[in-house]
Amino acid sequence: MAEDRRPRTWMPIYWGDYLRDTGHLTAALHGAYLMLIAHYWSGGQPPPDDDAVLWRIARADSVAHWKRMRPTLA
């Protein structure tokens, strides 16, 4: 199998940079943000700009919960 066709089974993360830039996030916001990053990484393209899809990717409790989280994550 060609190197570029292998599934993305791991992702590097620079914890110092991540923590410096996300120190203001709550635990729920960290979880949502990391799920969005993981989705982007594994799919190779950004998720759609669609709240009906993003709340599920972010594992928010509801669309309303996602809509309260979205401005901070944006």
N, C-alpha and C. Protein backbone atom coordinates (compact mmCIF):
# COMPACT_ATOMS: atom_id res chain seq x y z
N MET A 1 0.85 -1.19 0.00
CA MET A 1 0.00 0.00 0.00
C MET A 1 0.89 1.24 0.00
N ALA A 2 0.57 2.18 -0.82
CA ALA A 2 1.35 3.41 -0.91
C ALA A 2 1.30 4.16 0.41
N GLU A 3 2.40 4.79 0.75
CA GLU A 3 2.51 5.52 2.01
C GLU A 3 1.39 6.55 2.18
N ASP A 4 1.06 7.28 1.12
CA ASP A 4 0.06 8.35 1.22
C ASP A 4 -1.37 7.81 1.24
N ARG A 5 -1.57 6.51 1.04
CA ARG A 5 -2.92 5.95 1.05
C ARG A 5 -3.25 5.24 2.36
N ARG A 6 -2.30 5.16 3.26
CA ARG A 6 -2.56 4.52 4.54
C ARG A 6 -3.50 5.37 5.36
N PRO A 7 -4.34 4.74 6.16
CA PRO A 7 -5.21 5.54 7.02
C PRO A 7 -4.39 6.33 8.02
N ARG A 8 -4.91 7.45 8.41
CA ARG A 8 -4.23 8.28 9.39
C ARG A 8 -4.50 7.71 10.79
N THR A 9 -3.56 6.94 11.27
CA THR A 9 -3.78 6.24 12.54
C THR A 9 -3.23 7.00 13.74
N TRP A 10 -2.47 8.03 13.52
CA TRP A 10 -1.97 8.85 14.62
C TRP A 10 -1.87 10.29 14.16
N MET A 11 -1.83 11.19 15.14
CA MET A 11 -1.75 12.60 14.82
C MET A 11 -0.81 13.27 15.81
N PRO A 12 0.16 14.00 15.33
CA PRO A 12 1.02 14.73 16.26
C PRO A 12 0.26 15.90 16.87
N ILE A 13 0.55 16.19 18.11
CA ILE A 13 -0.04 17.37 18.75
C ILE A 13 1.04 18.01 19.61
N TYR A 14 1.16 19.29 19.51
CA TYR A 14 2.13 20.05 20.27
C TYR A 14 1.43 20.60 21.50
N TRP A 15 1.55 19.85 22.60
CA TRP A 15 0.76 20.16 23.80
C TRP A 15 1.05 21.54 24.35
N GLY A 16 2.28 21.99 24.28
CA GLY A 16 2.58 23.34 24.77
C GLY A 16 1.79 24.39 24.01
N ASP A 17 1.76 24.27 22.69
CA ASP A 17 1.00 25.21 21.86
C ASP A 17 -0.49 25.09 22.13
N TYR A 18 -0.98 23.85 22.18
CA TYR A 18 -2.41 23.63 22.40
C TYR A 18 -2.84 24.25 23.74
N LEU A 19 -2.11 23.95 24.80
CA LEU A 19 -2.50 24.45 26.12
C LEU A 19 -2.36 25.96 26.22
N ARG A 20 -1.35 26.52 25.56
CA ARG A 20 -1.19 27.98 25.56
C ARG A 20 -2.39 28.66 24.90
N ASP A 21 -2.87 28.06 23.81
CA ASP A 21 -3.94 28.69 23.03
C ASP A 21 -5.34 28.34 23.53
N THR A 22 -5.47 27.35 24.40
CA THR A 22 -6.82 26.90 24.81
C THR A 22 -7.02 26.93 26.31
N GLY A 23 -6.18 27.64 27.03
CA GLY A 23 -6.27 27.68 28.49
C GLY A 23 -7.58 28.23 29.01
N HIS A 24 -8.30 28.95 28.19
CA HIS A 24 -9.57 29.54 28.60
C HIS A 24 -10.76 28.60 28.43
N LEU A 25 -10.54 27.43 27.83
CA LEU A 25 -11.65 26.52 27.54
C LEU A 25 -12.03 25.68 28.75
N THR A 26 -13.32 25.39 28.86
CA THR A 26 -13.81 24.46 29.86
C THR A 26 -13.52 23.04 29.38
N ALA A 27 -13.76 22.07 30.24
CA ALA A 27 -13.56 20.67 29.85
C ALA A 27 -14.45 20.31 28.66
N ALA A 28 -15.70 20.76 28.67
CA ALA A 28 -16.61 20.46 27.56
C ALA A 28 -16.12 21.09 26.26
N LEU A 29 -15.60 22.30 26.34
CA LEU A 29 -15.09 22.96 25.14
C LEU A 29 -13.82 22.28 24.63
N HIS A 30 -12.96 21.83 25.54
CA HIS A 30 -11.78 21.07 25.11
C HIS A 30 -12.21 19.81 24.36
N GLY A 31 -13.16 19.09 24.91
CA GLY A 31 -13.63 17.87 24.27
C GLY A 31 -14.18 18.14 22.89
N ALA A 32 -15.01 19.15 22.77
CA ALA A 32 -15.60 19.49 21.48
C ALA A 32 -14.52 19.90 20.47
N TYR A 33 -13.58 20.72 20.92
CA TYR A 33 -12.52 21.19 20.05
C TYR A 33 -11.65 20.03 19.56
N LEU A 34 -11.30 19.13 20.46
CA LEU A 34 -10.48 17.99 20.07
C LEU A 34 -11.23 17.06 19.13
N MET A 35 -12.53 16.89 19.31
CA MET A 35 -13.31 16.06 18.39
C MET A 35 -13.36 16.70 17.00
N LEU A 36 -13.48 18.02 16.94
CA LEU A 36 -13.46 18.70 15.64
C LEU A 36 -12.11 18.56 14.96
N ILE A 37 -11.03 18.71 15.73
CA ILE A 37 -9.68 18.53 15.18
C ILE A 37 -9.52 17.10 14.65
N ALA A 38 -9.95 16.12 15.44
CA ALA A 38 -9.82 14.72 15.04
C ALA A 38 -10.61 14.43 13.76
N HIS A 39 -11.79 15.01 13.66
CA HIS A 39 -12.61 14.80 12.47
C HIS A 39 -11.91 15.38 11.24
N TYR A 40 -11.38 16.58 11.38
CA TYR A 40 -10.66 17.22 10.28
C TYR A 40 -9.45 16.37 9.90
N TRP A 41 -8.68 15.92 10.90
CA TRP A 41 -7.48 15.13 10.64
C TRP A 41 -7.81 13.84 9.92
N SER A 42 -8.80 13.11 10.43
CA SER A 42 -9.08 11.79 9.86
C SER A 42 -9.75 11.87 8.50
N GLY A 43 -10.50 12.94 8.24
CA GLY A 43 -11.17 13.08 6.96
C GLY A 43 -10.37 13.82 5.91
N GLY A 44 -9.36 14.57 6.34
CA GLY A 44 -8.52 15.28 5.41
C GLY A 44 -9.14 16.55 4.84
N GLN A 45 -10.29 16.92 5.36
CA GLN A 45 -10.93 18.16 4.92
C GLN A 45 -11.75 18.72 6.07
N PRO A 46 -11.99 20.02 6.06
CA PRO A 46 -12.74 20.60 7.17
C PRO A 46 -14.19 20.10 7.18
N PRO A 47 -14.78 20.04 8.37
CA PRO A 47 -16.18 19.65 8.42
C PRO A 47 -17.04 20.74 7.79
N PRO A 48 -18.26 20.40 7.39
CA PRO A 48 -19.13 21.40 6.78
C PRO A 48 -19.53 22.47 7.80
N ASP A 49 -19.78 23.65 7.31
CA ASP A 49 -20.24 24.75 8.18
C ASP A 49 -21.75 24.61 8.36
N ASP A 50 -22.15 23.60 9.10
CA ASP A 50 -23.55 23.24 9.27
C ASP A 50 -23.76 22.80 10.71
N ASP A 51 -24.49 23.61 11.47
CA ASP A 51 -24.70 23.30 12.88
C ASP A 51 -25.34 21.95 13.11
N ALA A 52 -26.18 21.50 12.18
CA ALA A 52 -26.83 20.20 12.31
C ALA A 52 -25.84 19.05 12.23
N VAL A 53 -24.68 19.27 11.61
CA VAL A 53 -23.63 18.27 11.52
C VAL A 53 -22.59 18.50 12.61
N LEU A 54 -22.20 19.74 12.81
CA LEU A 54 -21.11 20.06 13.74
C LEU A 54 -21.42 19.66 15.18
N TRP A 55 -22.65 19.79 15.61
CA TRP A 55 -22.94 19.45 17.00
C TRP A 55 -22.71 17.97 17.26
N ARG A 56 -22.94 17.15 16.24
CA ARG A 56 -22.69 15.71 16.40
C ARG A 56 -21.20 15.40 16.39
N ILE A 57 -20.46 16.04 15.49
CA ILE A 57 -19.01 15.83 15.44
C ILE A 57 -18.38 16.25 16.77
N ALA A 58 -18.82 17.38 17.31
CA ALA A 58 -18.27 17.92 18.55
C ALA A 58 -18.77 17.17 19.79
N ARG A 59 -19.75 16.29 19.61
CA ARG A 59 -20.35 15.53 20.70
C ARG A 59 -21.04 16.43 21.72
N ALA A 60 -21.59 17.53 21.24
CA ALA A 60 -22.36 18.42 22.10
C ALA A 60 -23.66 17.72 22.51
N ASP A 61 -24.24 18.18 23.59
CA ASP A 61 -25.47 17.55 24.10
C ASP A 61 -26.67 17.80 23.20
N SER A 62 -26.65 18.89 22.47
CA SER A 62 -27.77 19.26 21.60
C SER A 62 -27.29 20.34 20.64
N VAL A 63 -28.13 20.65 19.67
CA VAL A 63 -27.80 21.75 18.77
C VAL A 63 -27.70 23.06 19.55
N ALA A 64 -28.61 23.26 20.50
CA ALA A 64 -28.58 24.48 21.31
C ALA A 64 -27.28 24.58 22.10
N HIS A 65 -26.83 23.47 22.67
CA HIS A 65 -25.56 23.45 23.40
C HIS A 65 -24.41 23.81 22.45
N TRP A 66 -24.41 23.21 21.27
CA TRP A 66 -23.39 23.52 20.27
C TRP A 66 -23.40 25.00 19.92
N LYS A 67 -24.56 25.56 19.72
CA LYS A 67 -24.64 26.98 19.33
C LYS A 67 -24.11 27.90 20.42
N ARG A 68 -24.19 27.48 21.68
CA ARG A 68 -23.57 28.27 22.76
C ARG A 68 -22.06 28.10 22.78
N MET A 69 -21.57 26.93 22.37
CA MET A 69 -20.14 26.65 22.36
C MET A 69 -19.43 27.23 21.14
N ARG A 70 -20.12 27.27 20.04
CA ARG A 70 -19.50 27.61 18.75
C ARG A 70 -18.75 28.94 18.74
N PRO A 71 -19.30 30.03 19.28
CA PRO A 71 -18.54 31.30 19.21
C PRO A 71 -17.18 31.22 19.90
N THR A 72 -17.09 30.51 20.99
CA THR A 72 -15.82 30.38 21.69
C THR A 72 -14.84 29.54 20.88
N LEU A 73 -15.34 28.46 20.28
CA LEU A 73 -14.46 27.59 19.50
C LEU A 73 -14.06 28.20 18.16
N ALA A 74 -14.89 29.09 17.66
CA ALA A 74 -14.58 29.72 16.38
C ALA A 74 -13.39 30.65 16.54
